[in-house]
Amino acid sequence: MFERVAREFMVEISARNKLPFFVEDIGRWWSKGEEIDIVAINREKKKALLMEVKWSNLNEREVNRIMRELTNKSGPKSIQRYQKY
């Protein structure tokens, strides 16, 4: 449910031009046991915003670990052709 609310929020702020690009499509990505909570893309501009959604307060160490994991997951062929944010 929290991820769905986060996706709806991303659609809303995209409509207000508060993201680096207008979001044309948004959803979840998964493959071979890997998952990215939210992938927002603009196919025309070849840009993607990758997000992990957490329902807790995180310290800097935990945030850095999650960012490293997200970076490692951001290489699948289905989103390789996009500039990632």
C-alpha atoms as a PDB file:
ATOM      1  CA  MET A   1       0.000   0.000   0.000  1.00  0.00           C
ATOM      2  CA  PHE A   2       2.812   2.439   0.892  1.00  0.00           C
ATOM      3  CA  GLU A   3       4.497   1.836  -2.479  1.00  0.00           C
ATOM      4  CA  ARG A   4       1.222   2.566  -4.258  1.00  0.00           C
ATOM      5  CA  VAL A   5       0.900   5.871  -2.393  1.00  0.00           C
ATOM      6  CA  ALA A   6       4.503   6.695  -3.317  1.00  0.00           C
ATOM      7  CA  ARG A   7       3.781   5.999  -7.004  1.00  0.00           C
ATOM      8  CA  GLU A   8       0.692   8.234  -6.878  1.00  0.00           C
ATOM      9  CA  PHE A   9       2.791  10.968  -5.261  1.00  0.00           C
ATOM     10  CA  MET A  10       5.380  10.698  -8.043  1.00  0.00           C
ATOM     11  CA  VAL A  11       2.659  11.063 -10.690  1.00  0.00           C
ATOM     12  CA  GLU A  12       1.359  14.162  -8.897  1.00  0.00           C
ATOM     13  CA  ILE A  13       4.735  15.880  -8.602  1.00  0.00           C
ATOM     14  CA  SER A  14       5.542  14.997 -12.197  1.00  0.00           C
ATOM     15  CA  ALA A  15       2.346  16.761 -13.269  1.00  0.00           C
ATOM     16  CA  ARG A  16       3.591  19.819 -11.347  1.00  0.00           C
ATOM     17  CA  ASN A  17       6.972  19.697 -13.174  1.00  0.00           C
ATOM     18  CA  LYS A  18       8.863  18.956  -9.946  1.00  0.00           C
ATOM     19  CA  LEU A  19      10.919  16.096 -11.415  1.00  0.00           C
ATOM     20  CA  PRO A  20      13.832  16.194 -13.887  1.00  0.00           C
ATOM     21  CA  PHE A  21      11.415  14.995 -16.595  1.00  0.00           C
ATOM     22  CA  PHE A  22       7.710  14.315 -17.157  1.00  0.00           C
ATOM     23  CA  VAL A  23       6.791  10.767 -16.131  1.00  0.00           C
ATOM     24  CA  GLU A  24       5.088   8.864 -18.948  1.00  0.00           C
ATOM     25  CA  ASP A  25       4.967   5.497 -17.210  1.00  0.00           C
ATOM     26  CA  ILE A  26       5.493   4.360 -13.645  1.00  0.00           C
ATOM     27  CA  GLY A  27       5.560   0.974 -11.972  1.00  0.00           C
ATOM     28  CA  ARG A  28       7.648  -1.678 -10.310  1.00  0.00           C
ATOM     29  CA  TRP A  29      10.492  -3.632 -11.898  1.00  0.00           C
ATOM     30  CA  TRP A  30      11.620  -7.131 -11.017  1.00  0.00           C
ATOM     31  CA  SER A  31      13.673  -9.857 -12.593  1.00  0.00           C
ATOM     32  CA  LYS A  32      15.512 -12.924 -11.310  1.00  0.00           C
ATOM     33  CA  GLY A  33      14.946 -12.114  -7.632  1.00  0.00           C
ATOM     34  CA  GLU A  34      15.842  -8.424  -7.996  1.00  0.00           C
ATOM     35  CA  GLU A  35      13.260  -5.687  -7.473  1.00  0.00           C
ATOM     36  CA  ILE A  36      13.125  -1.911  -7.793  1.00  0.00           C
ATOM     37  CA  ASP A  37      10.121  -0.473  -5.965  1.00  0.00           C
ATOM     38  CA  ILE A  38       9.412   2.370  -8.388  1.00  0.00           C
ATOM     39  CA  VAL A  39      10.665   2.998 -11.897  1.00  0.00           C
ATOM     40  CA  ALA A  40       9.337   6.183 -13.495  1.00  0.00           C
ATOM     41  CA  ILE A  41      10.274   6.647 -17.143  1.00  0.00           C
ATOM     42  CA  ASN A  42      10.027   8.990 -20.070  1.00  0.00           C
ATOM     43  CA  ARG A  43      10.521   6.921 -23.211  1.00  0.00           C
ATOM     44  CA  GLU A  44      10.880   9.895 -25.554  1.00  0.00           C
ATOM     45  CA  LYS A  45      13.690  11.493 -23.532  1.00  0.00           C
ATOM     46  CA  LYS A  46      15.151   8.094 -22.528  1.00  0.00           C
ATOM     47  CA  LYS A  47      15.200   8.984 -18.812  1.00  0.00           C
ATOM     48  CA  ALA A  48      14.361   6.863 -15.783  1.00  0.00           C
ATOM     49  CA  LEU A  49      13.960   7.647 -12.092  1.00  0.00           C
ATOM     50  CA  LEU A  50      14.682   4.618  -9.888  1.00  0.00           C
ATOM     51  CA  MET A  51      13.414   4.566  -6.308  1.00  0.00           C
ATOM     52  CA  GLU A  52      13.352   2.326  -3.288  1.00  0.00           C
ATOM     53  CA  VAL A  53      10.501   2.993  -0.874  1.00  0.00           C
ATOM     54  CA  LYS A  54      11.084   2.408   2.844  1.00  0.00           C
ATOM     55  CA  TRP A  55       8.606   2.751   5.673  1.00  0.00           C
ATOM     56  CA  SER A  56      11.115   3.624   8.377  1.00  0.00           C
ATOM     57  CA  ASN A  57      13.709   6.149   9.440  1.00  0.00           C
ATOM     58  CA  LEU A  58      17.136   5.200   8.118  1.00  0.00           C
ATOM     59  CA  ASN A  59      20.562   6.255   9.244  1.00  0.00           C
ATOM     60  CA  GLU A  60      23.209   7.384   6.767  1.00  0.00           C
ATOM     61  CA  ARG A  61      24.864   3.971   6.647  1.00  0.00           C
ATOM     62  CA  GLU A  62      21.573   2.252   5.765  1.00  0.00           C
ATOM     63  CA  VAL A  63      20.822   4.863   3.080  1.00  0.00           C
ATOM     64  CA  ASN A  64      24.266   4.378   1.533  1.00  0.00           C
ATOM     65  CA  ARG A  65      23.783   0.591   1.487  1.00  0.00           C
ATOM     66  CA  ILE A  66      20.381   0.932  -0.192  1.00  0.00           C
ATOM     67  CA  MET A  67      21.826   3.354  -2.759  1.00  0.00           C
ATOM     68  CA  ARG A  68      24.630   0.892  -3.600  1.00  0.00           C
ATOM     69  CA  GLU A  69      22.109  -1.925  -3.983  1.00  0.00           C
ATOM     70  CA  LEU A  70      19.884   0.239  -6.197  1.00  0.00           C
ATOM     71  CA  THR A  71      22.872   1.174  -8.356  1.00  0.00           C
ATOM     72  CA  ASN A  72      23.728  -2.526  -8.749  1.00  0.00           C
ATOM     73  CA  LYS A  73      20.129  -3.313  -9.744  1.00  0.00           C
ATOM     74  CA  SER A  74      19.958  -0.476 -12.287  1.00  0.00           C
ATOM     75  CA  GLY A  75      21.793  -2.321 -15.041  1.00  0.00           C
ATOM     76  CA  PRO A  76      19.176  -4.651 -16.533  1.00  0.00           C
ATOM     77  CA  LYS A  77      18.793  -4.527 -20.287  1.00  0.00           C
ATOM     78  CA  SER A  78      15.193  -3.343 -20.024  1.00  0.00           C
ATOM     79  CA  ILE A  79      16.332  -0.019 -18.498  1.00  0.00           C
ATOM     80  CA  GLN A  80      19.976   0.191 -19.637  1.00  0.00           C
ATOM     81  CA  ARG A  81      19.162   2.569 -22.473  1.00  0.00           C
ATOM     82  CA  TYR A  82      17.767   5.186 -20.090  1.00  0.00           C
ATOM     83  CA  GLN A  83      19.640   7.958 -18.286  1.00  0.00           C
ATOM     84  CA  LYS A  84      19.054   7.189 -14.606  1.00  0.00           C
ATOM     85  CA  TYR A  85      18.317   9.553 -11.733  1.00  0.00           C
END
